[in-house]
Amino acid sequence: MPRDVFSPPGLRRALVIKLRHHGDVLLSTPVISMLKRLAPQCEVDALVYADTAPMLDGHPALSQLHLIDRGWKRQGVLRQTAAEWKLVSALRTRRYDLVVHLSVHTRGAWLVRLLRPRWSVAPSFRDGFWAGSFSHFYPAQSDPQRHTVDTNLDSLRVLGMEPTAADQRVTLVPGARVEAHVAELLAGHGLQPGGFIHVHPTSRWAFKCWPAARMAALCDALAAKGWPIVMTSAPDAGERALTADIRAARTAAAVAPTPTFDLSGTLSLKELAALTAQARLFVGVDSAPMHIAAAMGTPVVALFGPSGDREWGPWDETGESRHRVVASNSHPCRPCGMAGCNDSKVSDCLTTLPVAQVLAACEELLCA
């Protein structure tokens, strides 16, 4: 597409596309916020997968949220085609001036060609169809020393817009009804705001998780210091099995001076956000709940194995270092980006991570 001089005052409507997982979508929210600040007259929409909608629903700068259901492709060709056409028709009625595509998903290139915005931005990816689909390009993430939030904002830097510190805040809105429900839930368990530690030990990818026995030992150590523990997980059977193993290991240790409340698989993402916002500390692994906790302003201790913590660690736009990443100091191979050692689904850099090292990080933040 021919390159045109971008002008924020000329924006009437913009579409931000992020077709990835929950954490990825949440970390794209600063792009929406920055667009609205620099072009307050612009209606900013977003397009995401339906299951990730809670990450954006309620964002104060968002006008409309358009969804793609991953289940469409299981409904047969006719129903999928009808759903896809309905989506494209809804997007075309919006007449976007700008489309910001925050991944290398090919759907974004097709949509830009169908929607024909004046400006369109995407990561540099490949020549041919992709390169001919967009008007502006920013470098695909290649620097492991830069956080994903910062890389996402390159999509607006290439248009001549420079973010402020406030623009870089990750935004998640649980909603008043959800917050009231969670406050009632916590009160029913006798928990006060700031009076408990939220532990989310699971991920959909097991190679990112710490062994159950070590997480149990950490929970015992924190409980021995008088901190009630609230443990959560997704409804997934594998994740609930891990929290069950942690409970069993703690029972075997017979250390329970303060209560532990297991809410595994019972909370929605919005409820999880409202819960973690009330915690004194969040402890977890590289997962969407870790990003949610950081977005809600809760101090985070994040355990990292093969994934890159500089790219994916808990984000803090204030620069106050209110979070801690705990990773192995004896594995020069990390971050390797593999699904466990040699893709074995078991990460030695995590399985050997000492409890004392994680506990020290928790104590540092609890005493801050």
Protein backbone atom coordinates (compact mmCIF):
# COMPACT_ATOMS: atom_id res chain seq x y z
CA MET A 1 0.00 0.00 0.00
CA PRO A 2 1.28 3.55 -0.66
CA ARG A 3 2.63 5.29 2.40
CA ASP A 4 0.58 8.27 3.59
CA VAL A 5 1.48 10.88 6.21
CA PHE A 6 -0.27 9.89 9.42
CA SER A 7 -2.30 12.54 11.24
CA PRO A 8 -3.94 11.79 14.64
CA PRO A 9 -6.49 14.63 14.24
CA GLY A 10 -7.72 12.88 11.08
CA LEU A 11 -8.67 9.71 12.93
CA ARG A 12 -12.36 8.94 13.29
CA ARG A 13 -12.19 5.22 14.01
CA ALA A 14 -9.32 2.78 14.65
CA LEU A 15 -9.19 -0.98 15.06
CA VAL A 16 -6.59 -2.79 17.19
CA ILE A 17 -6.23 -6.51 16.39
CA LYS A 18 -4.64 -8.95 18.86
CA LEU A 19 -5.37 -12.59 18.07
CA ARG A 20 -3.33 -14.32 20.75
CA HIS A 21 -3.66 -15.65 24.30
CA HIS A 22 -5.03 -13.90 27.41
CA GLY A 23 -1.75 -12.44 28.61
CA ASP A 24 -0.82 -11.20 25.13
CA VAL A 25 -4.17 -9.42 24.81
CA LEU A 26 -3.84 -7.82 28.24
CA LEU A 27 -0.37 -6.50 27.40
CA SER A 28 -1.78 -4.81 24.29
CA THR A 29 -4.06 -2.49 26.30
CA PRO A 30 -1.53 0.39 26.40
CA VAL A 31 -1.90 0.71 22.61
CA ILE A 32 -5.63 1.33 23.04
CA SER A 33 -5.06 3.84 25.84
CA MET A 34 -2.39 5.75 23.93
CA LEU A 35 -4.48 5.97 20.76
CA LYS A 36 -7.37 7.47 22.72
CA ARG A 37 -5.14 10.00 24.47
CA LEU A 38 -3.52 11.24 21.27
CA ALA A 39 -6.75 11.18 19.25
CA PRO A 40 -9.55 11.76 21.79
CA GLN A 41 -12.09 12.22 19.02
CA CYS A 42 -11.34 8.73 17.69
CA GLU A 43 -13.47 5.69 18.45
CA VAL A 44 -11.05 2.86 19.22
CA ASP A 45 -12.29 -0.70 18.64
CA ALA A 46 -10.55 -4.03 19.18
CA LEU A 47 -10.73 -7.48 17.63
CA VAL A 48 -9.74 -10.50 19.75
CA TYR A 49 -10.65 -14.14 20.28
CA ALA A 50 -13.87 -14.51 22.26
CA ASP A 51 -12.25 -16.35 25.17
CA THR A 52 -9.84 -13.44 25.73
CA ALA A 53 -12.58 -10.77 25.73
CA PRO A 54 -12.47 -10.30 29.56
CA MET A 55 -8.99 -8.82 29.16
CA LEU A 56 -10.46 -5.83 27.26
CA ASP A 57 -14.11 -5.68 28.23
CA GLY A 58 -14.71 -2.49 30.21
CA HIS A 59 -11.53 -0.72 29.07
CA PRO A 60 -12.40 2.99 29.39
CA ALA A 61 -10.85 3.90 26.01
CA LEU A 62 -12.61 1.14 24.05
CA SER A 63 -15.68 1.84 21.91
CA GLN A 64 -16.53 -1.60 20.52
CA LEU A 65 -15.13 -5.07 21.09
CA HIS A 66 -15.38 -7.48 18.14
CA LEU A 67 -14.90 -11.20 18.73
CA ILE A 68 -13.79 -14.29 16.84
CA ASP A 69 -14.99 -17.58 18.31
CA ARG A 70 -12.36 -20.30 17.97
CA GLY A 71 -15.25 -22.76 17.87
CA TRP A 72 -16.53 -21.49 14.53
CA LYS A 73 -14.31 -23.89 12.63
CA ARG A 74 -15.95 -26.83 14.42
CA GLN A 75 -19.46 -25.81 13.36
CA GLY A 76 -19.12 -26.81 9.72
CA VAL A 77 -18.22 -24.82 6.63
CA LEU A 78 -21.59 -23.10 6.17
CA ARG A 79 -21.91 -21.86 9.75
CA GLN A 80 -18.28 -20.80 9.89
CA THR A 81 -18.61 -18.87 6.63
CA ALA A 82 -21.78 -17.16 7.88
CA ALA A 83 -20.08 -16.16 11.15
CA GLU A 84 -17.00 -14.87 9.36
CA TRP A 85 -19.10 -12.85 6.91
CA LYS A 86 -21.14 -11.35 9.74
CA LEU A 87 -17.92 -10.26 11.46
CA VAL A 88 -16.44 -8.71 8.31
CA SER A 89 -19.71 -6.90 7.59
CA ALA A 90 -19.77 -5.45 11.12
CA LEU A 91 -16.18 -4.29 10.77
CA ARG A 92 -16.77 -2.73 7.35
CA THR A 93 -19.66 -0.63 8.66
CA ARG A 94 -17.20 1.02 11.06
CA ARG A 95 -15.14 2.48 8.16
CA TYR A 96 -11.80 2.46 9.97
CA ASP A 97 -9.14 5.05 9.19
CA LEU A 98 -6.46 3.03 10.99
CA VAL A 99 -5.90 -0.67 11.66
CA VAL A 100 -3.15 -1.70 14.10
CA HIS A 101 -2.29 -5.39 13.82
CA LEU A 102 -0.25 -6.60 16.80
CA SER A 103 0.78 -10.05 15.61
CA VAL A 104 1.79 -11.91 12.47
CA HIS A 105 -1.56 -13.66 12.13
CA THR A 106 -2.40 -13.79 8.42
CA ARG A 107 -6.02 -12.88 9.14
CA GLY A 108 -4.89 -9.32 9.84
CA ALA A 109 -3.53 -8.91 6.32
CA TRP A 110 -6.75 -10.21 4.78
CA LEU A 111 -8.85 -7.90 6.96
CA VAL A 112 -6.82 -4.83 6.03
CA ARG A 113 -7.36 -5.61 2.35
CA LEU A 114 -11.11 -6.00 2.95
CA LEU A 115 -11.49 -2.96 5.24
CA ARG A 116 -9.24 -0.63 3.21
CA PRO A 117 -8.22 1.80 5.99
CA ARG A 118 -6.20 4.89 5.17
CA TRP A 119 -3.37 3.68 7.44
CA SER A 120 -2.49 0.19 8.58
CA VAL A 121 0.34 -1.02 10.81
CA ALA A 122 1.83 -4.48 11.38
CA PRO A 123 5.12 -6.12 12.38
CA SER A 124 7.67 -6.66 9.64
CA PHE A 125 7.16 -10.29 8.75
CA ARG A 126 7.60 -11.36 5.16
CA ASP A 127 7.59 -10.07 1.59
CA GLY A 128 4.81 -10.56 -0.91
CA PHE A 129 1.18 -10.60 0.24
CA TRP A 130 2.00 -9.50 3.79
CA ALA A 131 4.28 -6.62 2.80
CA GLY A 132 1.73 -5.40 0.26
CA SER A 133 -1.12 -5.35 2.77
CA PHE A 134 -0.01 -2.62 5.21
CA SER A 135 1.10 1.00 4.93
CA HIS A 136 3.48 1.02 7.91
CA PHE A 137 5.68 -1.59 9.59
CA TYR A 138 7.45 -1.85 12.92
CA PRO A 139 10.16 -4.40 13.80
CA ALA A 140 8.91 -7.77 14.92
CA GLN A 141 9.98 -8.54 18.50
CA SER A 142 13.60 -9.60 18.29
CA ASP A 143 15.28 -7.97 21.28
CA PRO A 144 14.92 -10.22 24.35
CA GLN A 145 15.90 -7.26 26.54
CA ARG A 146 12.69 -5.35 25.72
CA HIS A 147 9.32 -6.02 27.30
CA THR A 148 6.34 -6.98 25.16
CA VAL A 149 4.45 -3.87 26.29
CA ASP A 150 7.20 -1.67 24.90
CA THR A 151 7.36 -3.65 21.67
CA ASN A 152 3.61 -3.34 21.16
CA LEU A 153 3.93 0.43 21.43
CA ASP A 154 6.36 0.38 18.50
CA SER A 155 3.22 0.06 16.38
CA LEU A 156 2.39 3.66 17.28
CA ARG A 157 5.97 4.92 17.36
CA VAL A 158 6.27 4.08 13.66
CA LEU A 159 3.38 6.48 13.09
CA GLY A 160 5.29 9.26 14.84
CA MET A 161 3.64 8.95 18.27
CA GLU A 162 5.78 8.64 21.38
CA PRO A 163 4.28 7.13 24.57
CA THR A 164 4.40 8.75 27.96
CA ALA A 165 4.81 6.76 31.18
CA ALA A 166 1.03 6.94 31.71
CA ASP A 167 0.42 5.45 28.25
CA GLN A 168 2.36 2.35 29.24
CA ARG A 169 0.01 1.29 31.99
CA VAL A 170 -1.68 -2.09 31.48
CA THR A 171 -5.41 -1.70 32.12
CA LEU A 172 -7.88 -4.32 33.31
CA VAL A 173 -11.33 -3.45 34.67
CA PRO A 174 -13.09 -6.16 36.73
CA GLY A 175 -16.29 -4.10 37.07
CA ALA A 176 -18.23 -2.95 40.15
CA ARG A 177 -20.51 -6.00 40.26
CA VAL A 178 -17.59 -8.44 40.17
CA GLU A 179 -15.63 -6.44 42.74
CA ALA A 180 -18.62 -6.47 45.11
CA HIS A 181 -19.04 -10.22 44.68
CA VAL A 182 -15.37 -10.93 45.41
CA ALA A 183 -15.39 -8.59 48.42
CA GLU A 184 -18.33 -10.59 49.77
CA LEU A 185 -16.50 -13.86 49.07
CA LEU A 186 -13.39 -12.71 50.92
CA ALA A 187 -15.39 -11.38 53.85
CA GLY A 188 -17.16 -14.75 54.09
CA HIS A 189 -13.74 -16.37 54.59
CA GLY A 190 -12.73 -13.75 57.14
CA LEU A 191 -10.11 -12.23 54.83
CA GLN A 192 -9.32 -8.53 54.86
CA PRO A 193 -7.94 -6.51 51.91
CA GLY A 194 -4.16 -6.76 52.02
CA GLY A 195 -4.38 -9.53 54.60
CA PHE A 196 -3.63 -12.60 52.47
CA ILE A 197 -1.27 -13.95 49.81
CA HIS A 198 -2.65 -15.03 46.44
CA VAL A 199 -0.88 -18.11 45.04
CA HIS A 200 -1.61 -19.15 41.44
CA PRO A 201 0.87 -21.99 40.82
CA THR A 202 -0.43 -23.20 37.47
CA SER A 203 -0.19 -22.54 33.74
CA ARG A 204 -1.73 -24.23 30.73
CA TRP A 205 1.86 -25.21 29.93
CA ALA A 206 3.18 -27.58 32.60
CA PHE A 207 6.81 -26.85 31.71
CA LYS A 208 6.34 -23.37 33.19
CA CYS A 209 5.25 -24.73 36.59
CA TRP A 210 7.23 -25.28 39.79
CA PRO A 211 7.05 -28.78 41.37
CA ALA A 212 4.11 -29.26 43.75
CA ALA A 213 6.34 -30.20 46.69
CA ARG A 214 8.34 -26.96 46.40
CA MET A 215 5.25 -24.78 46.08
CA ALA A 216 3.80 -26.58 49.10
CA ALA A 217 6.96 -25.87 51.09
CA LEU A 218 6.76 -22.19 50.13
CA CYS A 219 3.10 -22.00 51.21
CA ASP A 220 4.00 -23.65 54.51
CA ALA A 221 6.78 -21.11 55.10
CA LEU A 222 4.47 -18.18 54.34
CA ALA A 223 1.71 -19.65 56.51
CA ALA A 224 4.20 -20.06 59.34
CA LYS A 225 4.72 -16.30 59.18
CA GLY A 226 0.99 -15.78 59.72
CA TRP A 227 -0.16 -15.21 56.14
CA PRO A 228 -3.41 -16.83 54.99
CA ILE A 229 -3.10 -18.34 51.51
CA VAL A 230 -5.69 -18.13 48.74
CA MET A 231 -4.87 -20.59 45.97
CA THR A 232 -6.39 -20.43 42.49
CA SER A 233 -6.12 -22.12 39.11
CA ALA A 234 -8.02 -22.35 35.84
CA PRO A 235 -10.82 -24.96 35.60
CA ASP A 236 -8.55 -27.18 33.47
CA ALA A 237 -8.22 -30.69 34.92
CA GLY A 238 -4.43 -30.63 34.74
CA GLU A 239 -4.20 -27.35 36.62
CA ARG A 240 -6.61 -28.49 39.30
CA ALA A 241 -4.61 -31.70 39.67
CA LEU A 242 -1.49 -29.63 40.40
CA THR A 243 -3.24 -27.60 43.11
CA ALA A 244 -4.55 -30.87 44.58
CA ASP A 245 -0.98 -32.19 44.70
CA ILE A 246 0.13 -29.02 46.47
CA ARG A 247 -2.65 -29.41 49.04
CA ALA A 248 -1.68 -33.04 49.60
CA ALA A 249 1.98 -32.14 50.07
CA ARG A 250 1.04 -29.47 52.59
CA THR A 251 -1.18 -31.87 54.50
CA ALA A 252 1.71 -34.32 54.70
CA ALA A 253 3.89 -31.57 56.11
CA ALA A 254 1.28 -30.92 58.82
CA VAL A 255 2.03 -27.18 58.87
CA ALA A 256 -1.12 -25.05 58.90
CA PRO A 257 -0.97 -22.24 61.50
CA THR A 258 -3.07 -20.03 59.23
CA PRO A 259 -5.90 -21.04 56.90
CA THR A 260 -5.59 -21.87 53.22
CA PHE A 261 -8.54 -21.30 50.90
CA ASP A 262 -8.53 -23.24 47.63
CA LEU A 263 -10.62 -21.52 44.95
CA SER A 264 -9.11 -23.50 42.09
CA GLY A 265 -11.27 -23.54 38.99
CA THR A 266 -14.08 -21.50 40.56
CA LEU A 267 -13.30 -17.93 39.48
CA SER A 268 -13.79 -16.13 36.18
CA LEU A 269 -10.94 -14.01 34.87
CA LYS A 270 -12.67 -10.85 36.05
CA GLU A 271 -13.17 -12.37 39.50
CA LEU A 272 -9.52 -13.44 39.55
CA ALA A 273 -8.53 -9.83 38.85
CA ALA A 274 -10.77 -8.51 41.63
CA LEU A 275 -9.37 -11.11 44.03
CA THR A 276 -5.70 -10.45 43.29
CA ALA A 277 -6.28 -6.69 43.58
CA GLN A 278 -7.07 -7.29 47.27
CA ALA A 279 -4.02 -9.47 47.97
CA ARG A 280 -0.91 -8.29 49.77
CA LEU A 281 1.23 -10.35 47.41
CA PHE A 282 0.81 -12.54 44.33
CA VAL A 283 3.01 -15.60 43.81
CA GLY A 284 2.87 -17.46 40.51
CA VAL A 285 4.55 -18.51 37.30
CA ASP A 286 4.74 -17.09 33.78
CA SER A 287 1.01 -16.99 33.05
CA ALA A 288 -1.91 -14.65 32.38
CA PRO A 289 -2.83 -14.43 36.11
CA MET A 290 0.67 -13.10 36.78
CA HIS A 291 0.10 -10.34 34.23
CA ILE A 292 -3.35 -9.70 35.70
CA ALA A 293 -1.90 -9.28 39.19
CA ALA A 294 0.70 -6.79 37.94
CA ALA A 295 -2.01 -4.86 36.08
CA MET A 296 -4.07 -4.63 39.26
CA GLY A 297 -1.11 -3.09 41.11
CA THR A 298 -0.42 -6.07 43.37
CA PRO A 299 3.25 -6.83 44.16
CA VAL A 300 4.26 -9.95 42.22
CA VAL A 301 6.79 -12.71 42.75
CA ALA A 302 7.03 -14.48 39.40
CA LEU A 303 8.91 -17.75 38.86
CA PHE A 304 10.47 -18.04 35.42
CA GLY A 305 12.03 -21.00 33.68
CA PRO A 306 12.62 -21.32 29.94
CA SER A 307 10.66 -18.22 28.91
CA GLY A 308 12.26 -14.77 28.79
CA ASP A 309 11.46 -12.70 31.86
CA ARG A 310 12.62 -9.43 30.29
CA GLU A 311 10.05 -9.88 27.53
CA TRP A 312 7.27 -11.45 29.59
CA GLY A 313 7.91 -10.55 33.23
CA PRO A 314 5.43 -8.64 35.43
CA TRP A 315 5.15 -5.16 33.95
CA ASP A 316 5.54 -2.02 36.05
CA GLU A 317 5.23 1.22 34.14
CA THR A 318 6.15 3.26 37.24
CA GLY A 319 9.72 1.96 37.42
CA GLU A 320 9.34 1.44 41.17
CA SER A 321 10.39 -2.23 41.05
CA ARG A 322 7.38 -3.43 43.01
CA HIS A 323 7.73 -6.91 41.46
CA ARG A 324 10.36 -9.65 41.67
CA VAL A 325 11.32 -12.25 39.07
CA VAL A 326 12.87 -15.40 40.49
CA ALA A 327 14.89 -17.52 38.07
CA SER A 328 17.77 -19.96 38.21
CA ASN A 329 21.27 -18.51 38.53
CA SER A 330 22.91 -21.81 37.61
CA HIS A 331 21.43 -22.40 34.16
CA PRO A 332 23.21 -20.23 31.56
CA CYS A 333 20.97 -21.85 28.93
CA ARG A 334 17.91 -19.95 30.11
CA PRO A 335 15.88 -18.41 28.70
CA CYS A 336 15.90 -21.03 25.96
CA GLY A 337 12.31 -20.52 24.80
CA MET A 338 11.77 -24.28 24.59
CA ALA A 339 8.93 -26.35 26.02
CA GLY A 340 11.17 -27.73 28.73
CA CYS A 341 14.72 -29.06 28.32
CA ASN A 342 15.03 -30.25 24.73
CA ASP A 343 11.22 -29.85 24.48
CA SER A 344 10.80 -32.57 27.11
CA LYS A 345 8.01 -30.63 28.93
CA VAL A 346 10.21 -30.62 32.05
CA SER A 347 12.32 -27.54 32.81
CA ASP A 348 15.37 -28.29 34.92
CA CYS A 349 15.88 -24.58 35.57
CA LEU A 350 12.48 -24.59 37.34
CA THR A 351 12.46 -28.00 39.01
CA THR A 352 15.74 -27.18 40.78
CA LEU A 353 14.80 -23.62 41.79
CA PRO A 354 15.33 -23.45 45.58
CA VAL A 355 12.42 -22.68 47.89
CA ALA A 356 14.68 -20.38 49.90
CA GLN A 357 15.31 -18.17 46.85
CA VAL A 358 11.58 -17.73 46.21
CA LEU A 359 10.82 -17.19 49.88
CA ALA A 360 13.47 -14.46 50.08
CA ALA A 361 11.79 -12.59 47.22
CA CYS A 362 8.42 -12.89 48.97
CA GLU A 363 9.82 -11.61 52.26
CA GLU A 364 11.46 -8.66 50.52
CA LEU A 365 8.15 -7.50 49.06
CA LEU A 366 6.14 -8.29 52.19
CA CYS A 367 8.50 -6.10 54.22
CA ALA A 368 8.51 -3.23 51.70
